[in-house]
Amino acid sequence: MQTAMHSSHQVGHRQRVPTQRRPRHAQRGATILIALILLLALAIAAVAVVRSSDSSVLVAGNVAVKIDAVNQAELGVAAGIEMAREHLRGTLANSDQTARNYVAAPLASNAGGIPDVLNDAAATPFNSATFRSTYTAPAVPTRNNVVVNYLVERMCDPLVRNQAASRQFCHVALDLNTISGSTNPESSGAMFDEPVVFRVTVRVDQPNQSAPTFAQEYFSVY
C-alpha cells in the first residue's frame, strides 16, 4: 500500500524547465536605440518648425515691403495730381514743363503704358539721377531710402504740342464719363470747355527690391 502511494506522488509532480532570460545589457541597448530614434524624430520636427517660422517671417517681410511700395507710389500720384492742379490750368498745360515733371503729349512707352524714361530698357537701364537731370521737380518725400519719381503727361496728340487741347486731338473728361466745362456746377469754373485728361506715372525703387513698383492714374483738372 505504501508503495502504490509513493508511485502516485511521483506521477503528479512536474519538473520545471529553466527559461532563458535576455541579458540586461541587451535590454538597455534596445531602450537606448528607441530613445535615439525618438530624439532624431524630435530634432527633425524642430528643424521643420524653425524653417517654417523663417519662411513665414520672410513672406511677411516681403508683403510689408510691397505694401510700403504701394503706399509710397500713392504719395507720388498725389504729388503729380497736386502739381497739375496748381500749374496746368488753361494755356499753362500747352507746353512741356520739365521743371515740374510735365510733358504736353505722351512719351514713348512700353506695352503696359509705362513711359520709357521711367522704365528699364534693354540698352538703357533706368537711372534716377539721369531722369532728374531732365525732370527736376522736387523729390517726393519718402522714408527708408525709397526713391519715388513721377511724370505727368497730357493725353494729346504730339501734333498739338504747344497748342490748346481740343477734343479732336486729345482725350477729354467726357471720355471718362464726367461732366465737363462750365455746365458742371461743381467745377467752380473749369479752365477748359472740355477738360483734358492727364496721366501720372510713378516709379518706386526700394533698396532691398530688385524690381521697381509702378503706379498710374488718369485725371482731369477742373
N, C-alpha and C. Protein backbone atom coordinates (compact mmCIF):
# COMPACT_ATOMS: atom_id res chain seq x y z
N MET A 1 0.83 -1.20 0.00
CA MET A 1 0.00 0.00 0.00
C MET A 1 0.86 1.24 0.00
N GLN A 2 1.86 1.29 0.69
CA GLN A 2 2.75 2.44 0.75
C GLN A 2 3.48 2.62 -0.56
N THR A 3 3.77 1.45 -1.19
CA THR A 3 4.47 1.55 -2.46
C THR A 3 3.59 2.17 -3.52
N ALA A 4 2.35 1.90 -3.57
CA ALA A 4 1.41 2.47 -4.54
C ALA A 4 1.27 3.96 -4.35
N MET A 5 1.14 4.40 -3.11
CA MET A 5 1.01 5.83 -2.84
C MET A 5 2.26 6.58 -3.27
N HIS A 6 3.36 6.04 -3.05
CA HIS A 6 4.62 6.70 -3.44
C HIS A 6 4.70 6.84 -4.95
N SER A 7 4.25 5.85 -5.68
CA SER A 7 4.28 5.91 -7.14
C SER A 7 3.35 7.00 -7.65
N SER A 8 2.17 7.13 -7.01
CA SER A 8 1.24 8.18 -7.42
C SER A 8 1.83 9.55 -7.18
N HIS A 9 2.52 9.78 -6.15
CA HIS A 9 3.15 11.07 -5.85
C HIS A 9 4.19 11.42 -6.90
N GLN A 10 4.89 10.47 -7.38
CA GLN A 10 5.93 10.74 -8.39
C GLN A 10 5.31 11.15 -9.71
N VAL A 11 4.14 10.57 -10.06
CA VAL A 11 3.48 10.92 -11.33
C VAL A 11 2.93 12.33 -11.30
N GLY A 12 2.37 12.75 -10.17
CA GLY A 12 1.76 14.09 -10.07
C GLY A 12 2.75 15.22 -10.02
N HIS A 13 3.97 14.99 -9.79
CA HIS A 13 4.99 16.05 -9.69
C HIS A 13 5.55 16.39 -11.06
N ARG A 14 5.57 17.73 -11.44
CA ARG A 14 6.11 18.20 -12.72
C ARG A 14 7.43 18.92 -12.48
N GLN A 15 8.34 18.60 -13.29
CA GLN A 15 9.68 19.21 -13.17
C GLN A 15 9.73 20.48 -14.01
N ARG A 16 10.13 21.62 -13.44
CA ARG A 16 10.22 22.90 -14.15
C ARG A 16 11.48 22.96 -15.01
N VAL A 17 11.26 23.46 -16.22
CA VAL A 17 12.40 23.62 -17.13
C VAL A 17 12.86 25.05 -17.06
N PRO A 18 14.05 25.34 -16.75
CA PRO A 18 14.53 26.75 -16.62
C PRO A 18 14.46 27.47 -17.96
N THR A 19 13.92 28.73 -17.94
CA THR A 19 13.82 29.58 -19.15
C THR A 19 15.06 30.43 -19.28
N GLN A 20 15.32 30.81 -20.57
CA GLN A 20 16.49 31.66 -20.85
C GLN A 20 16.08 33.13 -20.78
N ARG A 21 16.73 33.92 -20.01
CA ARG A 21 16.47 35.35 -19.89
C ARG A 21 17.48 36.15 -20.71
N ARG A 22 16.95 37.28 -21.36
CA ARG A 22 17.84 38.14 -22.15
C ARG A 22 18.76 38.89 -21.20
N PRO A 23 19.97 39.00 -21.58
CA PRO A 23 20.90 39.75 -20.71
C PRO A 23 20.42 41.19 -20.52
N ARG A 24 20.70 41.75 -19.36
CA ARG A 24 20.26 43.11 -19.07
C ARG A 24 20.90 44.12 -20.01
N HIS A 25 22.13 43.91 -20.46
CA HIS A 25 22.79 44.89 -21.33
C HIS A 25 22.11 44.92 -22.70
N ALA A 26 21.49 43.81 -23.16
CA ALA A 26 20.75 43.80 -24.43
C ALA A 26 19.49 44.64 -24.31
N GLN A 27 18.78 44.54 -23.17
CA GLN A 27 17.59 45.35 -22.96
C GLN A 27 17.93 46.84 -22.92
N ARG A 28 19.02 47.14 -22.26
CA ARG A 28 19.44 48.55 -22.22
C ARG A 28 19.78 49.07 -23.61
N GLY A 29 20.41 48.24 -24.44
CA GLY A 29 20.75 48.65 -25.80
C GLY A 29 19.52 48.97 -26.63
N ALA A 30 18.49 48.13 -26.49
CA ALA A 30 17.25 48.36 -27.23
C ALA A 30 16.58 49.65 -26.77
N THR A 31 16.60 49.92 -25.47
CA THR A 31 16.00 51.15 -24.93
C THR A 31 16.72 52.39 -25.45
N ILE A 32 18.05 52.32 -25.50
CA ILE A 32 18.83 53.45 -25.99
C ILE A 32 18.54 53.69 -27.47
N LEU A 33 18.41 52.61 -28.24
CA LEU A 33 18.12 52.75 -29.67
C LEU A 33 16.77 53.43 -29.90
N ILE A 34 15.76 53.02 -29.13
CA ILE A 34 14.43 53.64 -29.25
C ILE A 34 14.50 55.12 -28.87
N ALA A 35 15.24 55.40 -27.80
CA ALA A 35 15.37 56.80 -27.36
C ALA A 35 16.05 57.65 -28.43
N LEU A 36 17.08 57.11 -29.08
CA LEU A 36 17.78 57.84 -30.13
C LEU A 36 16.85 58.11 -31.32
N ILE A 37 16.04 57.11 -31.66
CA ILE A 37 15.08 57.30 -32.76
C ILE A 37 14.09 58.41 -32.42
N LEU A 38 13.60 58.41 -31.18
CA LEU A 38 12.67 59.45 -30.76
C LEU A 38 13.33 60.83 -30.78
N LEU A 39 14.57 60.90 -30.31
CA LEU A 39 15.30 62.18 -30.33
C LEU A 39 15.51 62.67 -31.75
N LEU A 40 15.84 61.74 -32.66
CA LEU A 40 16.03 62.11 -34.06
C LEU A 40 14.73 62.66 -34.65
N ALA A 41 13.61 62.00 -34.34
CA ALA A 41 12.32 62.47 -34.83
C ALA A 41 12.00 63.86 -34.29
N LEU A 42 12.27 64.09 -33.02
CA LEU A 42 12.04 65.40 -32.42
C LEU A 42 12.92 66.47 -33.04
N ALA A 43 14.19 66.09 -33.32
CA ALA A 43 15.11 67.04 -33.94
C ALA A 43 14.63 67.43 -35.34
N ILE A 44 14.17 66.44 -36.11
CA ILE A 44 13.66 66.73 -37.46
C ILE A 44 12.44 67.64 -37.38
N ALA A 45 11.56 67.35 -36.42
CA ALA A 45 10.36 68.18 -36.26
C ALA A 45 10.74 69.61 -35.88
N ALA A 46 11.75 69.75 -34.99
CA ALA A 46 12.18 71.08 -34.58
C ALA A 46 12.75 71.88 -35.75
N VAL A 47 13.57 71.21 -36.58
CA VAL A 47 14.13 71.87 -37.77
C VAL A 47 13.02 72.31 -38.71
N ALA A 48 12.00 71.45 -38.89
CA ALA A 48 10.89 71.81 -39.77
C ALA A 48 10.14 73.02 -39.24
N VAL A 49 9.94 73.08 -37.92
CA VAL A 49 9.25 74.22 -37.32
C VAL A 49 10.05 75.50 -37.51
N VAL A 50 11.38 75.43 -37.30
CA VAL A 50 12.23 76.60 -37.47
C VAL A 50 12.20 77.10 -38.90
N ARG A 51 12.30 76.16 -39.86
CA ARG A 51 12.26 76.56 -41.27
C ARG A 51 10.92 77.17 -41.62
N SER A 52 9.85 76.60 -41.09
CA SER A 52 8.52 77.14 -41.35
C SER A 52 8.40 78.55 -40.79
N SER A 53 8.95 78.75 -39.59
CA SER A 53 8.91 80.08 -38.99
C SER A 53 9.71 81.07 -39.81
N ASP A 54 10.91 80.66 -40.27
CA ASP A 54 11.73 81.54 -41.10
C ASP A 54 11.00 81.91 -42.39
N SER A 55 10.35 80.93 -43.01
CA SER A 55 9.61 81.19 -44.25
C SER A 55 8.46 82.15 -44.00
N SER A 56 7.77 81.97 -42.87
CA SER A 56 6.66 82.86 -42.54
C SER A 56 7.14 84.29 -42.34
N VAL A 57 8.27 84.43 -41.64
CA VAL A 57 8.84 85.76 -41.42
C VAL A 57 9.25 86.39 -42.74
N LEU A 58 9.85 85.58 -43.63
CA LEU A 58 10.28 86.09 -44.93
C LEU A 58 9.09 86.55 -45.76
N VAL A 59 8.04 85.73 -45.79
CA VAL A 59 6.84 86.10 -46.54
C VAL A 59 6.22 87.36 -45.97
N ALA A 60 6.13 87.43 -44.64
CA ALA A 60 5.56 88.62 -44.00
C ALA A 60 6.39 89.85 -44.33
N GLY A 61 7.72 89.69 -44.36
CA GLY A 61 8.59 90.81 -44.70
C GLY A 61 8.39 91.28 -46.12
N ASN A 62 8.25 90.33 -47.06
CA ASN A 62 8.03 90.68 -48.46
C ASN A 62 6.70 91.39 -48.64
N VAL A 63 5.67 90.92 -47.94
CA VAL A 63 4.36 91.57 -48.02
C VAL A 63 4.43 92.99 -47.49
N ALA A 64 5.15 93.17 -46.38
CA ALA A 64 5.28 94.51 -45.81
C ALA A 64 6.01 95.45 -46.76
N VAL A 65 7.04 94.93 -47.44
CA VAL A 65 7.78 95.75 -48.41
C VAL A 65 6.88 96.16 -49.56
N LYS A 66 6.07 95.23 -50.06
CA LYS A 66 5.15 95.53 -51.16
C LYS A 66 4.12 96.56 -50.74
N ILE A 67 3.59 96.41 -49.55
CA ILE A 67 2.60 97.37 -49.05
C ILE A 67 3.23 98.75 -48.93
N ASP A 68 4.46 98.81 -48.44
CA ASP A 68 5.14 100.08 -48.32
C ASP A 68 5.37 100.70 -49.69
N ALA A 69 5.70 99.88 -50.69
CA ALA A 69 5.92 100.40 -52.05
C ALA A 69 4.64 101.00 -52.61
N VAL A 70 3.52 100.33 -52.37
CA VAL A 70 2.23 100.85 -52.85
C VAL A 70 1.91 102.18 -52.16
N ASN A 71 2.16 102.25 -50.87
CA ASN A 71 1.91 103.50 -50.15
C ASN A 71 2.80 104.63 -50.67
N GLN A 72 4.04 104.32 -50.95
CA GLN A 72 4.95 105.33 -51.49
C GLN A 72 4.50 105.76 -52.89
N ALA A 73 4.01 104.80 -53.67
CA ALA A 73 3.51 105.14 -55.01
C ALA A 73 2.32 106.08 -54.92
N GLU A 74 1.45 105.87 -53.95
CA GLU A 74 0.30 106.75 -53.77
C GLU A 74 0.75 108.18 -53.46
N LEU A 75 1.84 108.30 -52.72
CA LEU A 75 2.39 109.64 -52.45
C LEU A 75 2.83 110.30 -53.75
N GLY A 76 3.45 109.50 -54.64
CA GLY A 76 3.88 110.04 -55.92
C GLY A 76 2.70 110.46 -56.79
N VAL A 77 1.65 109.65 -56.81
CA VAL A 77 0.45 110.00 -57.57
C VAL A 77 -0.15 111.30 -57.04
N ALA A 78 -0.25 111.40 -55.73
CA ALA A 78 -0.81 112.61 -55.12
C ALA A 78 0.03 113.84 -55.46
N ALA A 79 1.36 113.68 -55.46
CA ALA A 79 2.24 114.80 -55.79
C ALA A 79 2.04 115.25 -57.24
N GLY A 80 1.91 114.30 -58.16
CA GLY A 80 1.70 114.64 -59.56
C GLY A 80 0.38 115.35 -59.78
N ILE A 81 -0.69 114.87 -59.17
CA ILE A 81 -2.00 115.48 -59.34
C ILE A 81 -2.03 116.87 -58.72
N GLU A 82 -1.42 117.02 -57.56
CA GLU A 82 -1.38 118.33 -56.91
C GLU A 82 -0.62 119.34 -57.77
N MET A 83 0.50 118.90 -58.36
CA MET A 83 1.24 119.79 -59.25
C MET A 83 0.37 120.24 -60.42
N ALA A 84 -0.37 119.29 -61.02
CA ALA A 84 -1.22 119.62 -62.16
C ALA A 84 -2.31 120.61 -61.77
N ARG A 85 -2.90 120.42 -60.63
CA ARG A 85 -3.97 121.32 -60.19
C ARG A 85 -3.46 122.74 -59.97
N GLU A 86 -2.22 122.84 -59.55
CA GLU A 86 -1.66 124.16 -59.26
C GLU A 86 -1.07 124.85 -60.49
N HIS A 87 -0.56 124.07 -61.47
CA HIS A 87 0.25 124.68 -62.53
C HIS A 87 -0.19 124.35 -63.95
N LEU A 88 -1.20 123.54 -64.15
CA LEU A 88 -1.54 123.12 -65.51
C LEU A 88 -2.93 123.56 -65.93
N ARG A 89 -3.40 124.65 -65.42
CA ARG A 89 -4.70 125.17 -65.83
C ARG A 89 -4.56 126.04 -67.07
N GLY A 90 -5.56 125.94 -67.95
CA GLY A 90 -5.58 126.79 -69.13
C GLY A 90 -4.39 126.57 -70.05
N THR A 91 -3.84 127.66 -70.56
CA THR A 91 -2.75 127.59 -71.53
C THR A 91 -1.45 127.10 -70.92
N LEU A 92 -1.36 127.06 -69.59
CA LEU A 92 -0.13 126.59 -68.95
C LEU A 92 0.16 125.13 -69.28
N ALA A 93 -0.88 124.39 -69.66
CA ALA A 93 -0.70 122.97 -69.96
C ALA A 93 -0.29 122.71 -71.40
N ASN A 94 -0.19 123.78 -72.22
CA ASN A 94 0.07 123.58 -73.64
C ASN A 94 1.51 123.19 -73.94
N SER A 95 2.43 123.52 -73.07
CA SER A 95 3.85 123.31 -73.34
C SER A 95 4.48 122.46 -72.25
N ASP A 96 5.58 121.79 -72.61
CA ASP A 96 6.32 120.99 -71.64
C ASP A 96 6.82 121.88 -70.50
N GLN A 97 6.80 121.31 -69.31
CA GLN A 97 7.39 121.97 -68.13
C GLN A 97 8.22 120.92 -67.40
N THR A 98 9.42 120.72 -67.89
CA THR A 98 10.25 119.67 -67.31
C THR A 98 10.63 119.97 -65.86
N ALA A 99 10.60 121.24 -65.50
CA ALA A 99 10.88 121.59 -64.10
C ALA A 99 9.76 121.13 -63.18
N ARG A 100 8.64 120.75 -63.76
CA ARG A 100 7.51 120.24 -62.97
C ARG A 100 7.21 118.77 -63.33
N ASN A 101 8.13 118.13 -64.03
CA ASN A 101 7.95 116.73 -64.46
C ASN A 101 6.70 116.57 -65.32
N TYR A 102 6.55 117.49 -66.28
CA TYR A 102 5.35 117.51 -67.11
C TYR A 102 5.72 117.60 -68.59
N VAL A 103 4.99 116.83 -69.42
CA VAL A 103 5.12 116.94 -70.86
C VAL A 103 3.71 117.06 -71.45
N ALA A 104 3.58 117.85 -72.52
CA ALA A 104 2.27 118.18 -73.07
C ALA A 104 1.73 117.12 -74.02
N ALA A 105 2.44 116.03 -74.21
CA ALA A 105 1.98 114.92 -75.05
C ALA A 105 2.63 113.64 -74.52
N PRO A 106 1.98 112.50 -74.73
CA PRO A 106 2.54 111.25 -74.20
C PRO A 106 3.90 110.93 -74.82
N LEU A 107 4.78 110.41 -73.98
CA LEU A 107 6.10 109.98 -74.45
C LEU A 107 6.03 108.52 -74.90
N ALA A 108 7.09 108.07 -75.56
CA ALA A 108 7.15 106.66 -75.96
C ALA A 108 7.06 105.79 -74.71
N SER A 109 6.31 104.70 -74.82
CA SER A 109 6.08 103.84 -73.66
C SER A 109 6.07 102.38 -74.08
N ASN A 110 6.08 101.51 -73.08
CA ASN A 110 6.04 100.08 -73.37
C ASN A 110 4.59 99.63 -73.53
N ALA A 111 4.40 98.33 -73.69
CA ALA A 111 3.06 97.80 -73.92
C ALA A 111 2.13 98.06 -72.73
N GLY A 112 2.70 98.21 -71.55
CA GLY A 112 1.89 98.47 -70.37
C GLY A 112 1.59 99.93 -70.15
N GLY A 113 2.07 100.81 -71.04
CA GLY A 113 1.81 102.24 -70.91
C GLY A 113 2.80 102.96 -70.02
N ILE A 114 3.86 102.30 -69.59
CA ILE A 114 4.87 102.96 -68.74
C ILE A 114 5.85 103.70 -69.65
N PRO A 115 5.99 105.01 -69.49
CA PRO A 115 6.93 105.77 -70.33
C PRO A 115 8.34 105.19 -70.25
N ASP A 116 9.00 105.16 -71.40
CA ASP A 116 10.35 104.60 -71.45
C ASP A 116 11.33 105.33 -70.54
N VAL A 117 11.11 106.62 -70.33
CA VAL A 117 12.04 107.39 -69.48
C VAL A 117 11.96 106.94 -68.02
N LEU A 118 10.88 106.24 -67.65
CA LEU A 118 10.75 105.72 -66.29
C LEU A 118 10.98 104.23 -66.21
N ASN A 119 11.10 103.58 -67.35
CA ASN A 119 11.16 102.13 -67.38
C ASN A 119 12.57 101.65 -67.73
N ASP A 120 12.88 100.42 -67.34
CA ASP A 120 14.16 99.82 -67.68
C ASP A 120 14.10 99.29 -69.10
N ALA A 121 14.95 99.79 -69.96
CA ALA A 121 15.05 99.27 -71.32
C ALA A 121 16.29 98.39 -71.41
N ALA A 122 16.32 97.55 -72.45
CA ALA A 122 17.44 96.61 -72.59
C ALA A 122 18.77 97.34 -72.74
N ALA A 123 18.75 98.45 -73.47
CA ALA A 123 20.00 99.16 -73.73
C ALA A 123 20.27 100.26 -72.70
N THR A 124 19.21 100.81 -72.13
CA THR A 124 19.38 101.95 -71.22
C THR A 124 18.60 101.71 -69.93
N PRO A 125 19.17 101.01 -68.97
CA PRO A 125 18.50 100.83 -67.68
C PRO A 125 18.19 102.17 -67.03
N PHE A 126 17.07 102.24 -66.35
CA PHE A 126 16.64 103.48 -65.71
C PHE A 126 17.63 103.91 -64.65
N ASN A 127 17.86 105.21 -64.61
CA ASN A 127 18.73 105.79 -63.59
C ASN A 127 18.04 107.03 -63.05
N SER A 128 17.79 107.04 -61.76
CA SER A 128 17.05 108.14 -61.16
C SER A 128 17.76 109.48 -61.35
N ALA A 129 19.07 109.49 -61.20
CA ALA A 129 19.81 110.74 -61.34
C ALA A 129 19.71 111.28 -62.76
N THR A 130 19.77 110.37 -63.74
CA THR A 130 19.63 110.80 -65.14
C THR A 130 18.24 111.35 -65.40
N PHE A 131 17.23 110.68 -64.88
CA PHE A 131 15.86 111.16 -65.05
C PHE A 131 15.69 112.55 -64.44
N ARG A 132 16.21 112.73 -63.25
CA ARG A 132 16.03 114.01 -62.55
C ARG A 132 16.91 115.12 -63.12
N SER A 133 17.88 114.76 -63.93
CA SER A 133 18.65 115.82 -64.58
C SER A 133 17.81 116.52 -65.64
N THR A 134 16.74 115.86 -66.12
CA THR A 134 15.82 116.49 -67.09
C THR A 134 14.52 116.92 -66.42
N TYR A 135 13.96 116.05 -65.63
CA TYR A 135 12.69 116.33 -64.96
C TYR A 135 13.00 116.66 -63.50
N THR A 136 13.00 117.96 -63.21
CA THR A 136 13.64 118.43 -61.98
C THR A 136 12.67 118.86 -60.90
N ALA A 137 11.46 118.34 -60.91
CA ALA A 137 10.52 118.66 -59.84
C ALA A 137 11.08 118.18 -58.51
N PRO A 138 10.72 118.84 -57.41
CA PRO A 138 11.22 118.40 -56.09
C PRO A 138 10.89 116.94 -55.84
N ALA A 139 11.81 116.27 -55.18
CA ALA A 139 11.62 114.85 -54.89
C ALA A 139 10.44 114.65 -53.96
N VAL A 140 9.76 113.54 -54.15
CA VAL A 140 8.65 113.18 -53.27
C VAL A 140 9.22 112.73 -51.93
N PRO A 141 8.76 113.30 -50.83
CA PRO A 141 9.28 112.88 -49.52
C PRO A 141 9.02 111.40 -49.27
N THR A 142 10.06 110.66 -48.92
CA THR A 142 9.92 109.23 -48.65
C THR A 142 10.71 108.87 -47.40
N ARG A 143 10.72 107.58 -47.10
CA ARG A 143 11.49 107.08 -45.95
C ARG A 143 12.19 105.79 -46.35
N ASN A 144 13.12 105.37 -45.50
CA ASN A 144 13.84 104.10 -45.69
C ASN A 144 14.58 104.05 -47.03
N ASN A 145 15.09 105.20 -47.47
CA ASN A 145 15.88 105.28 -48.71
C ASN A 145 15.11 104.85 -49.94
N VAL A 146 13.79 104.95 -49.91
CA VAL A 146 12.95 104.66 -51.07
C VAL A 146 12.97 105.87 -51.99
N VAL A 147 13.10 105.62 -53.31
CA VAL A 147 13.15 106.69 -54.30
C VAL A 147 11.87 106.66 -55.13
N VAL A 148 11.19 107.81 -55.19
CA VAL A 148 9.94 107.92 -55.94
C VAL A 148 10.10 108.97 -57.02
N ASN A 149 9.84 108.58 -58.26
CA ASN A 149 9.86 109.51 -59.39
C ASN A 149 8.50 109.49 -60.08
N TYR A 150 8.03 110.66 -60.50
CA TYR A 150 6.76 110.70 -61.22
C TYR A 150 6.87 111.56 -62.47
N LEU A 151 5.97 111.29 -63.41
CA LEU A 151 5.90 112.05 -64.65
C LEU A 151 4.44 112.25 -65.00
N VAL A 152 4.08 113.48 -65.38
CA VAL A 152 2.71 113.80 -65.78
C VAL A 152 2.71 114.08 -67.28
N GLU A 153 1.79 113.41 -67.99
CA GLU A 153 1.67 113.60 -69.44
C GLU A 153 0.26 114.09 -69.78
N ARG A 154 0.17 115.02 -70.72
CA ARG A 154 -1.13 115.41 -71.26
C ARG A 154 -1.48 114.43 -72.37
N MET A 155 -2.67 113.87 -72.32
CA MET A 155 -3.05 112.82 -73.27
C MET A 155 -3.57 113.44 -74.57
N CYS A 156 -2.66 114.11 -75.27
CA CYS A 156 -2.97 114.75 -76.54
C CYS A 156 -1.98 114.27 -77.61
N ASP A 157 -2.40 114.37 -78.85
CA ASP A 157 -1.52 114.03 -79.94
C ASP A 157 -0.32 114.98 -79.96
N PRO A 158 0.88 114.47 -80.20
CA PRO A 158 2.05 115.37 -80.26
C PRO A 158 1.90 116.49 -81.28
N LEU A 159 0.99 116.35 -82.23
CA LEU A 159 0.77 117.40 -83.23
C LEU A 159 0.29 118.70 -82.59
N VAL A 160 -0.37 118.59 -81.42
CA VAL A 160 -0.90 119.80 -80.78
C VAL A 160 -0.04 120.22 -79.59
N ARG A 161 1.17 119.71 -79.54
CA ARG A 161 2.09 120.22 -78.51
C ARG A 161 2.25 121.72 -78.73
N ASN A 162 2.26 122.48 -77.68
CA ASN A 162 2.32 123.95 -77.71
C ASN A 162 1.02 124.57 -78.24
N GLN A 163 -0.05 123.79 -78.25
CA GLN A 163 -1.36 124.29 -78.65
C GLN A 163 -2.39 123.92 -77.58
N ALA A 164 -3.51 124.62 -77.64
CA ALA A 164 -4.57 124.32 -76.69
C ALA A 164 -5.14 122.94 -76.94
N ALA A 165 -5.61 122.32 -75.88
CA ALA A 165 -6.22 120.99 -76.01
C ALA A 165 -7.55 121.10 -76.74
N SER A 166 -7.85 120.08 -77.53
CA SER A 166 -9.13 120.03 -78.22
C SER A 166 -9.60 118.59 -78.26
N ARG A 167 -10.90 118.43 -78.37
CA ARG A 167 -11.46 117.08 -78.37
C ARG A 167 -10.98 116.29 -79.57
N GLN A 168 -10.66 116.97 -80.65
CA GLN A 168 -10.25 116.30 -81.88
C GLN A 168 -8.91 115.59 -81.71
N PHE A 169 -8.02 116.18 -80.89
CA PHE A 169 -6.67 115.63 -80.78
C PHE A 169 -6.31 115.17 -79.36
N CYS A 170 -7.23 115.29 -78.45
CA CYS A 170 -6.92 114.95 -77.05
C CYS A 170 -8.02 114.09 -76.44
N HIS A 171 -7.64 113.33 -75.45
CA HIS A 171 -8.63 112.69 -74.60
C HIS A 171 -9.15 113.75 -73.63
N VAL A 172 -10.45 113.86 -73.54
CA VAL A 172 -11.04 114.86 -72.64
C VAL A 172 -11.89 114.17 -71.59
N ALA A 173 -12.35 114.96 -70.63
CA ALA A 173 -13.03 114.39 -69.48
C ALA A 173 -14.29 113.63 -69.86
N LEU A 174 -14.94 114.02 -70.95
CA LEU A 174 -16.13 113.29 -71.37
C LEU A 174 -15.80 111.85 -71.71
N ASP A 175 -14.56 111.60 -72.12
CA ASP A 175 -14.15 110.23 -72.42
C ASP A 175 -14.14 109.36 -71.17
N LEU A 176 -14.06 110.03 -70.02
CA LEU A 176 -14.07 109.31 -68.74
C LEU A 176 -15.46 109.36 -68.10
N ASN A 177 -16.48 109.73 -68.91
CA ASN A 177 -17.85 109.80 -68.43
C ASN A 177 -18.02 110.82 -67.30
N THR A 178 -17.38 111.95 -67.45
CA THR A 178 -17.54 113.01 -66.47
C THR A 178 -18.16 114.23 -67.14
N ILE A 179 -18.77 115.07 -66.36
CA ILE A 179 -19.36 116.30 -66.87
C ILE A 179 -18.26 117.33 -67.04
N SER A 180 -18.27 118.06 -68.13
CA SER A 180 -17.15 118.95 -68.41
C SER A 180 -17.60 120.40 -68.50
N GLY A 181 -16.62 121.26 -68.48
CA GLY A 181 -16.82 122.68 -68.75
C GLY A 181 -17.69 123.38 -67.74
N SER A 182 -18.19 124.55 -68.15
CA SER A 182 -18.96 125.39 -67.24
C SER A 182 -20.32 124.80 -66.92
N THR A 183 -20.74 123.74 -67.63
CA THR A 183 -22.02 123.10 -67.32
C THR A 183 -21.95 122.28 -66.04
N ASN A 184 -20.76 122.05 -65.55
CA ASN A 184 -20.58 121.28 -64.31
C ASN A 184 -20.70 122.22 -63.13
N PRO A 185 -21.77 122.13 -62.32
CA PRO A 185 -21.93 123.06 -61.21
C PRO A 185 -20.88 122.90 -60.12
N GLU A 186 -20.17 121.77 -60.12
CA GLU A 186 -19.17 121.53 -59.09
C GLU A 186 -17.75 121.86 -59.56
N SER A 187 -17.63 122.34 -60.79
CA SER A 187 -16.29 122.57 -61.33
C SER A 187 -15.69 123.89 -60.88
N SER A 188 -16.52 124.79 -60.34
CA SER A 188 -16.05 126.12 -59.91
C SER A 188 -15.38 126.86 -61.06
N GLY A 189 -15.91 126.69 -62.27
CA GLY A 189 -15.35 127.39 -63.42
C GLY A 189 -14.18 126.65 -64.02
N ALA A 190 -14.44 125.67 -64.86
CA ALA A 190 -13.36 124.90 -65.47
C ALA A 190 -12.58 125.76 -66.45
N MET A 191 -11.28 125.49 -66.55
CA MET A 191 -10.42 126.27 -67.43
C MET A 191 -10.52 125.77 -68.87
N PHE A 192 -11.04 124.58 -69.08
CA PHE A 192 -11.25 124.05 -70.43
C PHE A 192 -12.74 123.87 -70.65
N ASP A 193 -13.19 124.08 -71.92
CA ASP A 193 -14.58 123.75 -72.23
C ASP A 193 -14.81 122.26 -72.01
N GLU A 194 -13.85 121.45 -72.40
CA GLU A 194 -13.87 120.02 -72.15
C GLU A 194 -12.52 119.66 -71.53
N PRO A 195 -12.46 119.50 -70.22
CA PRO A 195 -11.18 119.31 -69.53
C PRO A 195 -10.38 118.16 -70.12
N VAL A 196 -9.12 118.42 -70.40
CA VAL A 196 -8.24 117.42 -70.98
C VAL A 196 -7.86 116.39 -69.92
N VAL A 197 -7.54 115.20 -70.38
CA VAL A 197 -7.13 114.13 -69.49
C VAL A 197 -5.61 114.10 -69.38
N PHE A 198 -5.12 113.98 -68.16
CA PHE A 198 -3.70 113.83 -67.89
C PHE A 198 -3.45 112.43 -67.34
N ARG A 199 -2.19 112.02 -67.41
CA ARG A 199 -1.79 110.73 -66.85
C ARG A 199 -0.54 110.92 -66.01
N VAL A 200 -0.61 110.44 -64.79
CA VAL A 200 0.58 110.48 -63.93
C VAL A 200 1.08 109.05 -63.77
N THR A 201 2.38 108.88 -63.99
CA THR A 201 3.03 107.57 -63.83
C THR A 201 4.08 107.70 -62.74
N VAL A 202 4.09 106.76 -61.84
CA VAL A 202 5.01 106.80 -60.69
C VAL A 202 5.86 105.54 -60.68
N ARG A 203 7.13 105.73 -60.43
CA ARG A 203 8.06 104.60 -60.26
C ARG A 203 8.63 104.67 -58.85
N VAL A 204 8.60 103.52 -58.16
CA VAL A 204 9.11 103.42 -56.79
C VAL A 204 10.26 102.42 -56.78
N ASP A 205 11.42 102.86 -56.32
CA ASP A 205 12.59 101.98 -56.19
C ASP A 205 12.94 101.83 -54.72
N GLN A 206 13.04 100.58 -54.27
CA GLN A 206 13.39 100.29 -52.89
C GLN A 206 14.76 99.63 -52.85
N PRO A 207 15.58 99.96 -51.85
CA PRO A 207 16.95 99.43 -51.81
C PRO A 207 17.03 97.91 -51.69
N ASN A 208 16.01 97.27 -51.12
CA ASN A 208 16.05 95.82 -50.92
C ASN A 208 15.18 95.07 -51.93
N GLN A 209 14.77 95.73 -53.00
CA GLN A 209 13.97 95.09 -54.03
C GLN A 209 14.61 95.32 -55.39
N SER A 210 14.78 94.25 -56.16
CA SER A 210 15.43 94.38 -57.47
C SER A 210 14.49 94.97 -58.51
N ALA A 211 13.18 94.72 -58.38
CA ALA A 211 12.22 95.20 -59.37
C ALA A 211 11.48 96.42 -58.81
N PRO A 212 11.26 97.43 -59.64
CA PRO A 212 10.54 98.62 -59.18
C PRO A 212 9.04 98.36 -59.10
N THR A 213 8.34 99.26 -58.45
CA THR A 213 6.89 99.24 -58.39
C THR A 213 6.36 100.44 -59.17
N PHE A 214 5.35 100.22 -60.00
CA PHE A 214 4.78 101.29 -60.80
C PHE A 214 3.33 101.53 -60.39
N ALA A 215 2.92 102.78 -60.53
CA ALA A 215 1.51 103.14 -60.33
C ALA A 215 1.16 104.16 -61.40
N GLN A 216 -0.09 104.12 -61.85
CA GLN A 216 -0.51 105.04 -62.91
C GLN A 216 -1.97 105.42 -62.67
N GLU A 217 -2.26 106.69 -62.95
CA GLU A 217 -3.63 107.17 -62.76
C GLU A 217 -3.94 108.25 -63.79
N TYR A 218 -5.18 108.23 -64.26
CA TYR A 218 -5.67 109.25 -65.19
C TYR A 218 -6.55 110.23 -64.41
N PHE A 219 -6.48 111.50 -64.77
CA PHE A 219 -7.26 112.51 -64.05
C PHE A 219 -7.46 113.72 -64.95
N SER A 220 -8.34 114.60 -64.53
CA SER A 220 -8.58 115.87 -65.23
C SER A 220 -8.44 117.01 -64.25
N VAL A 221 -8.16 118.17 -64.77
CA VAL A 221 -8.01 119.38 -63.94
C VAL A 221 -9.23 120.27 -64.22
N TYR A 222 -9.98 120.55 -63.18
CA TYR A 222 -11.16 121.42 -63.34
C TYR A 222 -10.85 122.81 -62.81
